[in-house]
N, C-alpha and C. Protein backbone atom coordinates (compact mmCIF):
# COMPACT_ATOMS: atom_id res chain seq x y z
N MET A 1 11.02 -15.29 18.15
CA MET A 1 11.15 -15.66 16.71
C MET A 1 11.35 -14.15 15.98
N SER A 2 12.29 -14.04 15.20
CA SER A 2 12.60 -12.94 14.44
C SER A 2 11.66 -12.90 13.24
N GLU A 3 11.58 -11.60 12.61
CA GLU A 3 10.90 -11.44 11.26
C GLU A 3 11.44 -12.22 10.28
N GLN A 4 10.75 -12.62 9.38
CA GLN A 4 11.36 -13.25 8.14
C GLN A 4 10.38 -12.89 6.85
N THR A 5 10.74 -12.84 5.77
CA THR A 5 9.91 -12.58 4.64
C THR A 5 9.51 -13.91 4.11
N TYR A 6 8.23 -14.05 3.82
CA TYR A 6 7.46 -15.14 3.26
C TYR A 6 6.94 -14.88 2.02
N TYR A 7 6.85 -16.02 1.07
CA TYR A 7 5.97 -15.83 -0.08
C TYR A 7 4.78 -16.52 0.09
N GLY A 8 3.59 -15.96 -0.36
CA GLY A 8 2.35 -16.57 -0.17
C GLY A 8 1.43 -16.36 -1.34
N SER A 9 0.33 -17.22 -1.32
CA SER A 9 -0.50 -17.08 -2.50
C SER A 9 -1.84 -17.64 -2.14
N CYS A 10 -2.85 -17.48 -3.10
CA CYS A 10 -4.02 -18.15 -2.90
C CYS A 10 -3.77 -19.69 -3.54
N HIS A 11 -4.90 -20.23 -3.76
CA HIS A 11 -4.79 -21.86 -4.10
C HIS A 11 -4.42 -21.96 -5.57
N CYS A 12 -4.97 -21.25 -6.55
CA CYS A 12 -4.98 -21.11 -7.85
C CYS A 12 -3.68 -20.47 -8.34
N GLY A 13 -3.01 -19.50 -7.41
CA GLY A 13 -1.86 -18.75 -7.77
C GLY A 13 -2.16 -17.49 -8.51
N ALA A 14 -3.46 -17.13 -8.69
CA ALA A 14 -3.82 -15.77 -9.27
C ALA A 14 -3.43 -14.51 -8.37
N VAL A 15 -3.46 -14.82 -7.04
CA VAL A 15 -2.99 -13.81 -6.12
C VAL A 15 -1.66 -14.29 -5.46
N GLU A 16 -0.59 -13.26 -5.55
CA GLU A 16 0.58 -13.66 -4.93
C GLU A 16 1.06 -12.49 -4.11
N PHE A 17 1.85 -12.82 -3.05
CA PHE A 17 2.20 -11.64 -2.21
C PHE A 17 3.51 -12.15 -1.28
N GLU A 18 4.30 -11.07 -0.96
CA GLU A 18 5.30 -11.18 0.01
C GLU A 18 5.01 -10.47 1.42
N ALA A 19 5.33 -11.07 2.46
CA ALA A 19 4.93 -10.40 3.75
C ALA A 19 6.05 -10.84 4.81
N THR A 20 6.75 -9.68 5.32
CA THR A 20 7.69 -9.84 6.33
C THR A 20 7.02 -9.92 7.86
N LEU A 21 6.97 -10.85 8.65
CA LEU A 21 6.49 -10.85 9.89
C LEU A 21 7.11 -12.09 10.66
N ALA A 22 6.79 -11.93 12.14
CA ALA A 22 7.47 -13.09 12.96
C ALA A 22 6.24 -13.95 13.28
N LEU A 23 6.37 -15.24 13.13
CA LEU A 23 5.43 -16.12 13.58
C LEU A 23 5.17 -16.58 14.88
N ASP A 24 5.75 -16.01 15.91
CA ASP A 24 5.74 -16.44 17.16
C ASP A 24 4.52 -15.80 18.02
N GLN A 25 3.67 -14.83 17.35
CA GLN A 25 2.61 -14.47 18.01
C GLN A 25 1.18 -14.54 17.08
N VAL A 26 1.10 -15.68 16.28
CA VAL A 26 -0.01 -15.85 15.57
C VAL A 26 -1.19 -16.13 16.22
N VAL A 27 -2.40 -15.97 15.93
CA VAL A 27 -3.54 -16.27 16.59
C VAL A 27 -4.59 -17.08 15.71
N THR A 28 -5.49 -17.65 16.58
CA THR A 28 -6.64 -18.42 15.92
C THR A 28 -7.81 -17.49 16.51
N CYS A 29 -8.84 -17.00 15.85
CA CYS A 29 -9.94 -16.37 16.30
C CYS A 29 -11.28 -17.06 16.05
N ASN A 30 -12.18 -16.93 17.10
CA ASN A 30 -13.42 -17.59 17.09
C ASN A 30 -14.44 -16.69 16.46
N CYS A 31 -14.21 -15.65 15.77
CA CYS A 31 -15.27 -14.91 15.14
C CYS A 31 -15.92 -15.77 14.06
N SER A 32 -17.19 -15.29 13.51
CA SER A 32 -17.82 -16.21 12.72
C SER A 32 -17.12 -16.49 11.32
N ILE A 33 -16.37 -15.68 10.80
CA ILE A 33 -15.59 -15.86 9.54
C ILE A 33 -14.31 -16.80 9.79
N CYS A 34 -13.65 -16.35 10.75
CA CYS A 34 -12.15 -17.14 11.03
C CYS A 34 -12.62 -18.57 11.53
N ARG A 35 -13.49 -18.62 12.32
CA ARG A 35 -13.93 -19.97 12.71
C ARG A 35 -14.28 -20.89 11.53
N ARG A 36 -15.13 -20.35 10.56
CA ARG A 36 -15.47 -21.15 9.55
C ARG A 36 -14.46 -21.41 8.38
N GLN A 37 -13.46 -20.56 8.46
CA GLN A 37 -12.37 -20.47 7.41
C GLN A 37 -11.24 -21.32 7.90
N GLY A 38 -11.11 -21.40 9.37
CA GLY A 38 -9.97 -22.08 9.77
C GLY A 38 -8.54 -21.39 9.78
N THR A 39 -8.63 -19.97 9.72
CA THR A 39 -7.44 -19.38 9.49
C THR A 39 -6.57 -19.35 10.69
N ILE A 40 -5.30 -19.26 10.51
CA ILE A 40 -4.36 -18.81 11.55
C ILE A 40 -3.67 -17.51 11.10
N LEU A 41 -3.74 -16.57 12.00
CA LEU A 41 -3.30 -15.25 11.57
C LEU A 41 -2.11 -14.71 12.06
N GLY A 42 -1.25 -14.14 11.24
CA GLY A 42 -0.04 -13.44 11.60
C GLY A 42 -0.43 -12.00 11.18
N PHE A 43 0.45 -11.06 11.79
CA PHE A 43 0.16 -9.66 11.52
C PHE A 43 1.32 -8.86 11.19
N THR A 44 1.17 -8.06 10.16
CA THR A 44 2.38 -7.28 9.80
C THR A 44 1.85 -5.75 9.42
N SER A 45 2.79 -4.85 9.25
CA SER A 45 2.25 -3.51 8.80
C SER A 45 2.20 -3.44 7.12
N THR A 46 1.50 -2.53 6.89
CA THR A 46 1.37 -2.42 5.23
C THR A 46 2.66 -2.37 4.66
N LYS A 47 3.57 -1.43 5.37
CA LYS A 47 5.07 -1.23 4.82
C LYS A 47 5.59 -2.62 4.48
N LYS A 48 5.37 -3.74 5.12
CA LYS A 48 6.11 -4.98 5.11
C LYS A 48 5.36 -6.01 4.26
N PHE A 49 4.27 -5.63 3.58
CA PHE A 49 3.59 -6.34 2.60
C PHE A 49 3.64 -5.72 1.37
N THR A 50 3.70 -6.93 0.26
CA THR A 50 3.91 -6.43 -1.09
C THR A 50 2.94 -7.38 -1.90
N LEU A 51 1.95 -6.80 -2.48
CA LEU A 51 1.08 -7.61 -3.40
C LEU A 51 1.86 -7.93 -4.86
N LEU A 52 2.20 -8.92 -5.06
CA LEU A 52 2.99 -9.15 -6.13
C LEU A 52 2.18 -9.36 -7.48
N LYS A 53 0.94 -9.93 -7.32
CA LYS A 53 0.29 -10.35 -8.48
C LYS A 53 -1.30 -10.42 -8.12
N GLY A 54 -2.12 -9.98 -8.92
CA GLY A 54 -3.59 -10.40 -8.80
C GLY A 54 -4.55 -9.31 -7.95
N ALA A 55 -4.04 -8.09 -8.05
CA ALA A 55 -5.02 -6.98 -7.57
C ALA A 55 -6.23 -7.01 -8.27
N GLU A 56 -6.32 -7.16 -9.57
CA GLU A 56 -7.52 -7.37 -10.35
C GLU A 56 -8.34 -8.44 -9.97
N ASN A 57 -7.77 -9.40 -9.37
CA ASN A 57 -8.51 -10.86 -9.12
C ASN A 57 -8.97 -10.83 -7.60
N LEU A 58 -8.86 -9.75 -6.76
CA LEU A 58 -9.34 -9.71 -5.50
C LEU A 58 -10.57 -9.17 -5.45
N SER A 59 -11.50 -9.83 -4.43
CA SER A 59 -12.81 -9.33 -4.13
C SER A 59 -12.73 -9.05 -2.66
N ASP A 60 -13.64 -8.14 -2.20
CA ASP A 60 -13.43 -7.59 -0.83
C ASP A 60 -14.83 -7.93 -0.14
N TYR A 61 -14.72 -8.53 1.09
CA TYR A 61 -15.89 -8.78 1.81
C TYR A 61 -15.72 -8.09 3.24
N GLN A 62 -16.82 -7.50 3.76
CA GLN A 62 -16.67 -6.82 4.99
C GLN A 62 -18.17 -7.08 5.75
N PHE A 63 -18.03 -7.24 6.97
CA PHE A 63 -19.22 -7.77 7.79
C PHE A 63 -19.01 -7.02 9.29
N GLY A 64 -20.00 -7.03 9.99
CA GLY A 64 -19.95 -6.49 11.15
C GLY A 64 -19.76 -4.97 11.25
N SER A 65 -18.75 -4.54 11.86
CA SER A 65 -18.39 -3.10 11.94
C SER A 65 -17.72 -2.67 10.72
N HIS A 66 -17.35 -3.46 9.72
CA HIS A 66 -16.81 -3.07 8.59
C HIS A 66 -15.29 -2.41 8.67
N ASN A 67 -14.54 -2.88 9.67
CA ASN A 67 -13.33 -2.44 9.92
C ASN A 67 -12.31 -3.13 9.03
N ILE A 68 -12.54 -4.42 8.88
CA ILE A 68 -11.57 -5.24 8.32
C ILE A 68 -12.03 -5.58 6.87
N HIS A 69 -11.10 -5.45 5.82
CA HIS A 69 -11.42 -5.86 4.48
C HIS A 69 -10.84 -7.24 4.33
N HIS A 70 -11.60 -8.38 4.18
CA HIS A 70 -11.42 -9.58 3.92
C HIS A 70 -11.27 -9.78 2.47
N GLU A 71 -10.16 -9.79 1.99
CA GLU A 71 -9.97 -9.94 0.41
C GLU A 71 -9.62 -11.40 0.14
N PHE A 72 -10.24 -11.78 -0.94
CA PHE A 72 -10.30 -13.11 -1.45
C PHE A 72 -10.11 -13.23 -2.82
N CYS A 73 -9.52 -14.36 -3.34
CA CYS A 73 -9.49 -14.57 -4.84
C CYS A 73 -10.82 -14.81 -5.69
N LYS A 74 -10.97 -14.21 -6.60
CA LYS A 74 -12.34 -14.37 -7.36
C LYS A 74 -12.43 -15.69 -7.93
N THR A 75 -11.27 -16.30 -8.20
CA THR A 75 -11.22 -17.51 -8.88
C THR A 75 -11.29 -18.65 -8.13
N CYS A 76 -10.41 -18.87 -6.93
CA CYS A 76 -10.56 -20.00 -6.13
C CYS A 76 -11.15 -19.69 -4.87
N GLY A 77 -11.46 -18.48 -4.43
CA GLY A 77 -12.10 -18.24 -3.22
C GLY A 77 -11.33 -18.25 -1.97
N VAL A 78 -10.04 -18.41 -2.05
CA VAL A 78 -9.19 -18.40 -0.77
C VAL A 78 -8.95 -16.98 -0.36
N LYS A 79 -9.07 -16.81 0.88
CA LYS A 79 -8.58 -15.52 1.55
C LYS A 79 -7.16 -15.69 2.16
N SER A 80 -6.25 -14.95 1.46
CA SER A 80 -4.79 -15.09 1.97
C SER A 80 -4.51 -14.05 2.84
N PHE A 81 -5.12 -12.89 2.92
CA PHE A 81 -5.08 -11.74 3.79
C PHE A 81 -6.18 -10.88 3.85
N SER A 82 -6.04 -10.23 4.97
CA SER A 82 -7.09 -9.09 5.19
C SER A 82 -6.23 -7.73 5.40
N LYS A 83 -7.11 -6.75 5.31
CA LYS A 83 -6.39 -5.36 5.58
C LYS A 83 -7.37 -4.53 6.52
N GLY A 84 -6.78 -3.76 7.33
CA GLY A 84 -7.50 -3.01 8.41
C GLY A 84 -6.49 -2.07 9.09
N VAL A 85 -7.05 -1.49 10.11
CA VAL A 85 -6.33 -0.70 11.11
C VAL A 85 -6.23 -1.28 12.45
N GLY A 86 -4.91 -1.25 12.96
CA GLY A 86 -4.67 -2.04 14.34
C GLY A 86 -5.13 -1.14 15.27
N PRO A 87 -5.20 -1.59 16.43
CA PRO A 87 -5.55 -0.74 17.76
C PRO A 87 -4.69 0.52 17.89
N ASP A 88 -3.53 0.53 17.39
CA ASP A 88 -2.69 1.76 17.46
C ASP A 88 -2.93 2.78 16.43
N GLY A 89 -3.94 2.45 15.49
CA GLY A 89 -4.32 3.36 14.38
C GLY A 89 -3.44 3.19 13.20
N VAL A 90 -2.54 2.30 13.04
CA VAL A 90 -1.70 1.98 12.01
C VAL A 90 -2.41 0.97 11.13
N GLU A 91 -2.29 1.27 9.83
CA GLU A 91 -2.81 0.37 8.79
C GLU A 91 -1.96 -0.84 8.81
N MET A 92 -2.67 -2.18 8.90
CA MET A 92 -1.90 -3.28 8.96
C MET A 92 -2.58 -4.60 7.98
N ARG A 93 -1.87 -5.63 7.87
CA ARG A 93 -2.33 -6.84 7.29
C ARG A 93 -2.51 -7.98 8.16
N ALA A 94 -3.50 -8.57 7.91
CA ALA A 94 -3.73 -9.84 8.84
C ALA A 94 -3.40 -11.08 7.64
N ILE A 95 -2.36 -11.85 7.87
CA ILE A 95 -1.86 -12.71 6.84
C ILE A 95 -2.40 -14.13 7.15
N ASN A 96 -3.07 -14.79 6.31
CA ASN A 96 -3.39 -16.31 6.55
C ASN A 96 -2.24 -17.05 6.34
N VAL A 97 -1.62 -17.55 7.62
CA VAL A 97 -0.36 -18.18 7.69
C VAL A 97 -0.35 -19.50 6.83
N ARG A 98 -1.63 -19.92 6.72
CA ARG A 98 -1.77 -21.21 6.02
C ARG A 98 -1.53 -21.00 4.42
N CYS A 99 -1.47 -19.87 4.01
CA CYS A 99 -1.14 -19.56 2.74
C CYS A 99 0.22 -19.21 2.45
N LEU A 100 1.12 -19.33 3.37
CA LEU A 100 2.60 -18.97 3.19
C LEU A 100 3.35 -20.31 2.95
N GLU A 101 4.26 -20.32 2.03
CA GLU A 101 5.12 -21.40 1.66
C GLU A 101 6.13 -21.66 2.76
N ASP A 102 6.51 -22.91 2.94
CA ASP A 102 7.63 -23.24 3.85
C ASP A 102 7.38 -22.92 5.06
N VAL A 103 6.19 -22.88 5.74
CA VAL A 103 5.88 -22.76 7.17
C VAL A 103 5.28 -24.05 7.67
N ASP A 104 5.91 -24.56 8.74
CA ASP A 104 5.39 -25.74 9.32
C ASP A 104 4.36 -25.34 10.42
N ILE A 105 3.17 -25.47 10.09
CA ILE A 105 2.05 -25.21 10.67
C ILE A 105 2.04 -25.81 12.14
N ASP A 106 2.52 -27.13 12.19
CA ASP A 106 2.42 -27.79 13.41
C ASP A 106 3.48 -27.39 14.36
N SER A 107 4.40 -26.33 13.90
CA SER A 107 5.49 -25.98 14.74
C SER A 107 4.89 -24.50 15.52
N LEU A 108 3.82 -24.11 15.02
CA LEU A 108 3.32 -22.71 15.63
C LEU A 108 2.61 -23.00 16.96
N SER A 109 2.60 -22.11 17.73
CA SER A 109 1.80 -22.02 18.92
C SER A 109 0.69 -20.97 19.05
N PRO A 110 -0.37 -21.01 18.09
CA PRO A 110 -1.35 -19.88 18.07
C PRO A 110 -2.00 -19.67 19.48
N GLN A 111 -2.18 -18.41 19.70
CA GLN A 111 -2.95 -17.90 20.78
C GLN A 111 -4.42 -17.91 20.32
N LYS A 112 -5.32 -18.06 21.44
CA LYS A 112 -6.68 -17.90 21.03
C LYS A 112 -7.23 -16.33 21.27
N PHE A 113 -7.97 -16.02 20.27
CA PHE A 113 -8.59 -14.69 20.21
C PHE A 113 -10.08 -14.83 20.25
N ASP A 114 -10.69 -14.01 21.21
CA ASP A 114 -12.17 -14.00 21.27
C ASP A 114 -12.85 -13.07 20.53
N GLY A 115 -12.59 -13.11 19.17
CA GLY A 115 -13.32 -12.24 18.26
C GLY A 115 -14.85 -12.39 18.31
N ALA A 116 -15.32 -13.38 18.72
CA ALA A 116 -16.97 -13.60 18.79
C ALA A 116 -17.46 -12.63 19.60
N SER A 117 -16.62 -12.32 20.82
CA SER A 117 -17.24 -11.44 21.82
C SER A 117 -17.27 -9.91 21.57
N LEU A 118 -16.69 -9.54 20.34
CA LEU A 118 -16.41 -8.15 20.05
C LEU A 118 -17.70 -7.63 19.44
């Protein structure tokens, strides 16, 4: 599956973004936060992510090793994306694919990631 640019937002629309990514390598993670939120994650570089609206409406949550910034909308509480540094040392974004428009979630084949063991 090739990369495509998607539009995404939180539930209330206060936070909007565009991200270019391929959806053939999405993951579900069993860490404590992903399991509770039911996220399906796709990954992209910071260069392929644009926050269109809502920087002032984002709040940051970190836990564990504090390597990932779980940013969520202060109004509706939805976490549309996170930011961190990938294994290669490059800053990246983890996109909650459920927040992207025009994505058929049922057509995806997420791989399981054992984040609970980290």
